[in-house]
Protein backbone atom coordinates (compact mmCIF):
# COMPACT_ATOMS: atom_id res chain seq x y z
CA MET A 1 -25.77 13.48 40.08
CA SER A 2 -28.46 10.82 39.66
CA ARG A 3 -28.87 8.25 42.34
CA PHE A 4 -29.26 5.63 39.63
CA LEU A 5 -25.75 5.99 38.32
CA SER A 6 -23.54 2.93 38.48
CA THR A 7 -20.24 2.75 40.35
CA VAL A 8 -18.44 3.05 37.07
CA ALA A 9 -20.32 6.19 36.09
CA LYS A 10 -19.73 7.76 39.52
CA ARG A 11 -15.97 7.22 39.47
CA THR A 12 -15.39 8.70 36.01
CA GLU A 13 -14.13 12.21 35.42
CA PRO A 14 -15.18 12.90 31.77
CA TYR A 15 -12.76 14.23 29.20
CA ILE A 16 -13.28 17.90 28.46
CA PRO A 17 -12.91 18.64 24.68
CA GLY A 18 -11.92 21.98 23.22
CA GLU A 19 -14.67 24.47 22.59
CA GLN A 20 -16.68 24.03 19.39
CA LEU A 21 -18.45 27.34 18.80
CA ASN A 22 -20.88 27.57 15.88
CA GLN A 23 -19.84 31.05 14.78
CA PRO A 24 -18.57 31.47 11.24
CA ASP A 25 -16.23 34.28 12.12
CA ILE A 26 -14.40 32.40 14.81
CA ILE A 27 -10.74 31.37 14.16
CA LYS A 28 -10.40 27.96 15.69
CA LEU A 29 -6.86 27.25 16.82
CA ASN A 30 -7.86 25.14 19.81
CA THR A 31 -8.59 21.52 18.81
CA ASN A 32 -5.72 20.71 16.38
CA GLU A 33 -7.99 20.26 13.42
CA ASN A 34 -6.51 20.50 9.93
CA PRO A 35 -7.14 24.06 8.56
CA TYR A 36 -7.49 22.68 5.02
CA PRO A 37 -10.26 20.59 3.56
CA PRO A 38 -9.73 16.91 2.82
CA SER A 39 -8.67 15.62 -0.61
CA PRO A 40 -11.26 16.31 -3.27
CA GLU A 41 -11.25 12.56 -3.87
CA VAL A 42 -12.88 12.16 -0.40
CA LEU A 43 -15.95 14.13 -1.39
CA THR A 44 -16.17 12.31 -4.70
CA ALA A 45 -16.05 8.93 -2.97
CA ILE A 46 -18.73 9.96 -0.38
CA GLN A 47 -20.97 11.26 -3.17
CA LYS A 48 -20.52 7.98 -5.07
CA ALA A 49 -21.39 6.02 -1.93
CA LEU A 50 -24.61 8.09 -1.55
CA GLU A 51 -25.61 7.46 -5.09
CA GLU A 52 -25.32 3.72 -4.55
CA ASN A 53 -28.40 4.22 -2.27
CA THR A 54 -27.35 1.56 0.25
CA LEU A 55 -27.60 3.52 3.52
CA GLN A 56 -30.44 1.16 4.56
CA ARG A 57 -27.86 -1.60 4.82
CA TYR A 58 -25.29 -2.15 7.52
CA PRO A 59 -21.69 -1.32 6.54
CA SER A 60 -18.98 -3.97 6.33
CA PRO A 61 -18.04 -5.03 9.84
CA THR A 62 -14.52 -5.83 8.68
CA ALA A 63 -14.04 -2.56 6.63
CA ASP A 64 -11.86 -4.51 4.25
CA PRO A 65 -11.37 -1.74 1.55
CA LEU A 66 -10.22 0.76 4.19
CA ARG A 67 -7.98 -1.72 5.96
CA HIS A 68 -6.34 -2.69 2.68
CA ALA A 69 -5.86 1.00 1.73
CA ILE A 70 -4.13 1.62 5.09
CA ALA A 71 -2.03 -1.52 4.75
CA ASP A 72 -0.95 -0.58 1.26
CA THR A 73 0.03 2.91 2.41
CA TYR A 74 2.31 1.65 5.15
CA GLY A 75 3.60 -1.56 3.58
CA LEU A 76 1.74 -3.87 5.96
CA ASN A 77 -0.71 -6.75 5.67
CA ALA A 78 -4.42 -6.16 6.22
CA ASP A 79 -4.35 -8.47 9.25
CA GLN A 80 -1.98 -5.92 10.88
CA VAL A 81 -4.64 -3.14 10.59
CA PHE A 82 -7.62 -2.39 12.80
CA VAL A 83 -10.00 0.47 12.22
CA GLY A 84 -12.45 2.16 14.58
CA ASN A 85 -14.74 5.13 15.11
CA GLY A 86 -11.96 7.68 15.72
CA SER A 87 -8.71 6.94 17.52
CA ASP A 88 -10.41 7.57 20.85
CA GLU A 89 -12.57 4.44 20.32
CA VAL A 90 -9.49 2.49 19.24
CA LEU A 91 -7.80 3.61 22.41
CA ALA A 92 -10.82 2.53 24.52
CA PHE A 93 -10.82 -0.88 22.90
CA SER A 94 -7.11 -1.23 23.51
CA PHE A 95 -7.53 -0.44 27.23
CA MET A 96 -10.14 -3.19 27.42
CA ALA A 97 -8.09 -5.70 25.31
CA PHE A 98 -4.56 -5.31 26.80
CA PHE A 99 -4.65 -3.62 30.22
CA GLU A 100 -5.63 -5.69 33.26
CA PRO A 101 -7.48 -4.37 36.33
CA GLY A 102 -5.17 -4.77 39.29
CA LYS A 103 -1.95 -4.18 37.26
CA THR A 104 -0.64 -0.61 37.13
CA ILE A 105 0.01 0.92 33.79
CA ARG A 106 2.18 3.92 33.06
CA PHE A 107 1.70 7.02 31.01
CA PRO A 108 3.26 10.59 31.07
CA GLU A 109 2.08 12.98 33.81
CA ILE A 110 1.60 15.60 31.14
CA SER A 111 -0.21 13.75 28.36
CA TYR A 112 -3.47 13.14 26.61
CA SER A 113 -6.16 13.56 29.27
CA PHE A 114 -8.24 10.66 27.96
CA TYR A 115 -5.81 8.19 29.42
CA PRO A 116 -6.87 8.63 33.10
CA VAL A 117 -10.49 8.75 31.96
CA TYR A 118 -10.28 5.33 30.33
CA SER A 119 -8.20 3.98 33.26
CA LYS A 120 -11.04 4.88 35.70
CA ILE A 121 -13.84 3.55 33.50
CA PHE A 122 -12.16 0.22 33.15
CA ASP A 123 -10.88 0.13 36.72
CA ILE A 124 -7.20 0.06 35.69
CA SER A 125 -4.71 1.46 38.13
CA PHE A 126 -2.24 3.87 36.67
CA GLU A 127 0.99 5.74 37.42
CA LYS A 128 1.71 9.15 35.93
CA VAL A 129 5.35 9.42 35.12
CA PRO A 130 6.83 12.94 35.46
CA LEU A 131 8.49 14.49 32.49
CA ASN A 132 11.99 16.03 32.55
CA GLU A 133 12.18 19.81 33.20
CA ASP A 134 12.38 20.36 29.43
CA TYR A 135 9.20 18.28 29.03
CA THR A 136 10.98 15.38 27.42
CA LEU A 137 10.32 11.74 28.45
CA GLN A 138 12.13 10.05 31.33
CA ALA A 139 12.25 6.93 29.25
CA GLU A 140 13.82 4.67 31.86
CA LYS A 141 10.85 5.31 34.19
CA PHE A 142 8.62 3.45 31.70
CA TYR A 143 10.79 0.34 31.91
CA ASP A 144 9.52 -2.82 33.63
CA SER A 145 5.92 -1.66 33.91
CA GLU A 146 3.63 -4.11 35.74
CA GLY A 147 0.63 -3.57 33.43
CA GLY A 148 1.79 -1.89 30.26
CA VAL A 149 2.61 1.52 28.85
CA ILE A 150 0.76 4.08 26.75
CA LEU A 151 2.26 7.34 25.55
CA PRO A 152 1.57 9.84 22.81
CA ASN A 153 4.37 10.53 20.31
CA PRO A 154 4.63 13.42 19.54
CA ASN A 155 3.30 14.22 23.07
CA ALA A 156 0.20 16.24 23.61
CA PRO A 157 0.03 19.00 24.62
CA THR A 158 3.82 19.59 24.67
CA SER A 159 4.31 18.83 20.92
CA LEU A 160 7.66 17.02 21.57
CA TYR A 161 8.71 13.92 19.61
CA ALA A 162 10.66 11.03 21.06
CA GLU A 163 13.11 9.37 18.70
CA LEU A 164 12.61 5.71 17.78
CA ASP A 165 15.60 4.52 19.88
CA VAL A 166 13.77 5.87 22.98
CA ILE A 167 10.58 3.99 21.99
CA GLU A 168 12.55 0.86 21.22
CA GLY A 169 14.23 1.03 24.61
CA ILE A 170 10.80 1.09 26.32
CA LEU A 171 9.65 -1.91 24.13
CA LYS A 172 12.73 -3.92 25.08
CA ARG A 173 12.22 -3.38 28.76
CA ASN A 174 8.53 -4.35 28.65
CA PRO A 175 8.63 -7.69 26.63
CA ASP A 176 5.68 -9.20 28.39
CA GLN A 177 3.39 -6.08 28.35
CA VAL A 178 1.77 -4.15 25.55
CA VAL A 179 3.31 -0.80 24.76
CA ILE A 180 0.82 1.50 22.94
CA ILE A 181 2.26 4.43 21.00
CA ASP A 182 -0.46 7.02 20.31
CA GLU A 183 0.68 8.77 17.13
CA ALA A 184 -2.11 11.25 16.36
CA TYR A 185 0.48 13.80 15.17
CA ILE A 186 3.10 11.58 13.65
CA ASP A 187 2.71 12.78 10.09
CA PHE A 188 4.14 16.15 11.21
CA ALA A 189 7.07 14.57 12.93
CA GLY A 190 9.79 11.97 12.42
CA PRO A 191 9.55 8.26 11.74
CA SER A 192 6.65 6.35 13.02
CA ALA A 193 7.06 3.51 15.50
CA MET A 194 5.32 1.29 12.92
CA LYS A 195 8.85 0.63 11.61
CA LEU A 196 9.35 -1.49 14.77
CA ILE A 197 6.18 -3.65 14.41
CA SER A 198 7.97 -6.50 12.69
CA ARG A 199 10.42 -6.77 15.65
CA TYR A 200 8.14 -6.38 18.57
CA ASP A 201 4.89 -8.34 19.00
CA ASN A 202 4.01 -6.17 22.02
CA LEU A 203 3.90 -2.90 20.00
CA LEU A 204 0.55 -1.33 19.11
CA VAL A 205 0.57 1.88 17.10
CA ILE A 206 -2.56 4.00 17.06
CA GLN A 207 -3.18 6.80 14.54
CA THR A 208 -6.06 8.93 13.35
CA THR A 209 -7.31 10.54 10.13
CA SER A 210 -8.51 13.59 12.05
CA LYS A 211 -5.30 15.62 11.81
CA SER A 212 -3.04 15.19 8.79
CA ARG A 213 -5.83 13.77 6.53
CA ALA A 214 -8.37 16.44 7.60
CA LEU A 215 -11.19 14.01 8.43
CA ALA A 216 -12.06 14.92 11.99
CA GLY A 217 -15.72 15.09 11.00
CA LEU A 218 -15.72 11.44 9.75
CA ARG A 219 -14.31 9.85 12.94
CA VAL A 220 -11.93 7.26 11.64
CA GLY A 221 -8.96 5.95 13.62
CA PHE A 222 -6.77 2.85 13.21
CA ALA A 223 -4.27 0.67 14.92
CA LEU A 224 -1.25 -1.14 13.55
CA GLY A 225 0.48 -4.14 15.11
CA HIS A 226 1.05 -7.83 15.20
CA PRO A 227 -1.96 -9.83 13.86
CA ASP A 228 -2.55 -11.29 17.28
CA LEU A 229 -3.00 -7.80 18.78
CA ILE A 230 -5.29 -6.83 15.97
CA ALA A 231 -7.32 -10.02 16.57
CA GLY A 232 -7.61 -8.95 20.26
CA LEU A 233 -9.03 -5.60 19.24
CA ASN A 234 -11.50 -7.30 16.90
CA ARG A 235 -12.58 -9.53 19.77
CA ILE A 236 -13.46 -6.45 21.82
CA LYS A 237 -15.07 -4.65 18.93
CA ASP A 238 -17.31 -7.55 18.05
CA SER A 239 -18.43 -7.80 21.66
CA PHE A 240 -19.26 -4.12 21.72
CA ASN A 241 -20.27 -2.90 18.27
CA SER A 242 -19.38 -4.81 15.09
CA TYR A 243 -20.31 -1.91 12.78
CA THR A 244 -18.06 0.86 14.02
CA ILE A 245 -17.30 2.52 10.65
CA ASP A 246 -20.33 3.70 8.57
CA ARG A 247 -20.42 3.48 4.79
CA LEU A 248 -19.72 7.12 4.08
CA ALA A 249 -16.80 7.30 6.55
CA MET A 250 -15.35 4.10 5.03
CA ALA A 251 -15.61 5.50 1.51
CA GLY A 252 -14.09 8.84 2.37
CA ALA A 253 -11.28 7.55 4.47
CA THR A 254 -10.34 4.98 1.87
CA ALA A 255 -10.13 7.72 -0.77
CA ALA A 256 -7.96 9.91 1.53
CA PHE A 257 -5.37 7.13 1.85
CA LYS A 258 -5.23 6.65 -1.86
CA ASP A 259 -4.52 10.34 -2.61
CA HIS A 260 -0.89 10.34 -1.52
CA ALA A 261 0.02 13.55 -3.40
CA TYR A 262 -2.67 15.73 -1.70
CA PHE A 263 -1.79 14.36 1.70
CA SER A 264 1.94 15.09 1.23
CA GLU A 265 1.40 18.66 0.03
CA SER A 266 -1.11 19.52 2.64
CA THR A 267 1.13 18.16 5.46
CA LYS A 268 4.19 20.02 4.14
CA LYS A 269 2.14 23.23 3.97
CA ILE A 270 1.22 22.95 7.70
CA ILE A 271 4.82 22.19 8.66
CA ARG A 272 6.07 25.26 6.77
CA THR A 273 3.44 27.42 8.56
CA ARG A 274 4.37 25.90 11.85
CA GLU A 275 8.07 26.79 11.51
CA ARG A 276 7.27 30.36 10.47
CA SER A 277 4.73 30.79 13.31
CA ALA A 278 7.15 29.41 15.90
CA GLN A 279 9.72 32.01 14.84
CA GLN A 280 7.24 34.85 14.90
CA LEU A 281 6.03 33.94 18.39
CA GLN A 282 9.58 33.79 19.61
CA GLU A 283 10.28 37.25 18.20
CA MET A 284 7.11 38.48 20.02
CA GLY A 285 8.41 37.23 23.41
CA PHE A 286 7.08 33.71 23.66
CA ASP A 287 8.97 30.67 24.85
CA VAL A 288 8.08 28.08 22.23
CA LEU A 289 8.79 24.34 22.62
CA PRO A 290 10.20 22.53 19.51
CA SER A 291 7.15 21.26 17.77
CA ASP A 292 6.75 18.05 15.73
CA ALA A 293 2.95 18.30 15.68
CA ASN A 294 0.38 20.54 13.96
CA PHE A 295 0.31 22.85 16.96
CA LEU A 296 2.67 24.98 19.09
CA PHE A 297 3.02 24.93 22.85
CA ALA A 298 4.01 28.51 23.72
CA LYS A 299 4.60 30.37 26.93
CA PRO A 300 3.88 34.13 26.87
CA LEU A 301 6.69 35.82 28.81
CA LYS A 302 5.08 39.27 28.95
CA GLN A 303 1.62 38.35 30.43
CA ASP A 304 -0.44 35.63 32.08
CA ALA A 305 -1.29 32.78 29.81
CA LYS A 306 -4.91 32.38 31.00
CA LYS A 307 -5.56 36.08 30.68
CA LEU A 308 -4.17 36.07 27.16
CA TYR A 309 -6.40 33.11 26.27
CA GLU A 310 -9.38 35.03 27.45
CA GLN A 311 -8.35 38.17 25.60
CA LEU A 312 -7.94 36.22 22.37
CA ARG A 313 -11.30 34.54 22.87
CA SER A 314 -12.94 37.90 23.24
CA ARG A 315 -11.34 38.83 19.86
CA GLY A 316 -12.77 35.69 18.16
CA ILE A 317 -9.60 33.51 18.29
CA LEU A 318 -9.81 30.25 20.17
CA VAL A 319 -6.61 28.70 21.53
CA ARG A 320 -6.29 26.05 24.30
CA HIS A 321 -5.28 26.77 27.91
CA PHE A 322 -4.82 23.93 30.43
CA ASP A 323 -5.28 24.91 34.07
CA GLN A 324 -2.92 22.13 35.14
CA ALA A 325 0.18 22.30 37.22
CA ASP A 326 3.49 22.61 35.28
CA ILE A 327 1.76 23.77 32.04
CA ARG A 328 -0.76 26.51 33.06
CA ASP A 329 1.77 29.13 31.86
CA TYR A 330 1.44 27.82 28.30
CA LEU A 331 -1.06 28.04 25.41
CA ARG A 332 -1.55 25.36 22.88
CA ILE A 333 -2.01 26.99 19.50
CA THR A 334 -3.20 24.89 16.48
CA ILE A 335 -1.55 25.70 13.22
CA GLY A 336 -4.13 27.37 10.95
CA THR A 337 -3.87 28.73 7.49
CA GLU A 338 -1.30 31.39 6.74
CA GLU A 339 -4.11 33.93 6.72
CA GLN A 340 -5.46 32.72 10.10
CA MET A 341 -1.98 32.85 11.69
CA GLU A 342 -1.48 36.36 10.42
CA VAL A 343 -4.73 37.50 12.13
CA LEU A 344 -3.45 35.90 15.34
CA PHE A 345 -0.14 37.74 15.17
CA THR A 346 -1.92 40.98 14.40
CA VAL A 347 -4.21 40.61 17.44
CA LEU A 348 -1.29 39.62 19.70
CA LYS A 349 0.61 42.75 18.65
CA ASP A 350 -2.45 44.86 19.26
CA LEU A 351 -2.87 43.35 22.74
CA GLU A 352 0.63 44.43 23.62
CA LYS A 353 -0.19 48.10 23.17
């Protein structure tokens, strides 16, 4: 470690992303990407943006076309929408805007591993709230938080969805603190907490285009909430980087939000594959948690999870294993195409021999 590193750099423990191997024959079921390409309208819009020959100019700092497309999709006003360079950047801005050093925030003990990373970067104390034995939230333990609450819904990596009455209970018991609901996988689940925005000015909902809209390569995330919260995010953004969304990403993401039919069919296809895959894994001797995401959290009952992860990797199939207490016996398996999942099941059966 360099002796020139700042105190901030030294205290961080960087997030470790899933493997990205540049091998064409690899079946990637480890990073929860969409197995299908984005809407054809996305590529058309990007090509049109290229033909305008304006890449020498900065993009719009307010990303108005994209914010309006998102607002129209969810029945909101544009001043209730913030966009950023992937939901991770939106999360980082949110930590800076709404969580105060010296006041402890709460998030689930088993949760998105970027939360403690950001907490340490911004010197925010945090409390990890244990889950129930079945990995559901202990909602009452998020009540009356000193500094605020952040939680993913559906949770990652457990794939479980908390109903809106649970979320609303947490909001009611934290009226003076911001509650952030990180909904990266909500389009594969039940109703979004955005339905509660009109009633709670302390609610910020963060989503991404990386999963259900198949735009992980464009890096576009967004937040929905009261205009005052959105203004706070813009205050941080404009103190950090006013041009967070480039012209091509803005054009592609805007087109994705306008193609409702493609989005709906693609999402339904993944959900159908998820249900069939969960059943097949159970029949093969896995304990599979009920999933409301585009992945399955599955515990192999016949062998060690880490060993199985390594065996699959040697066969060209990447899944995710977390060497963390309480979940090291599980594998997180992204839902791929029907063909990719069949290859997975064939290899799993072969490994049983």
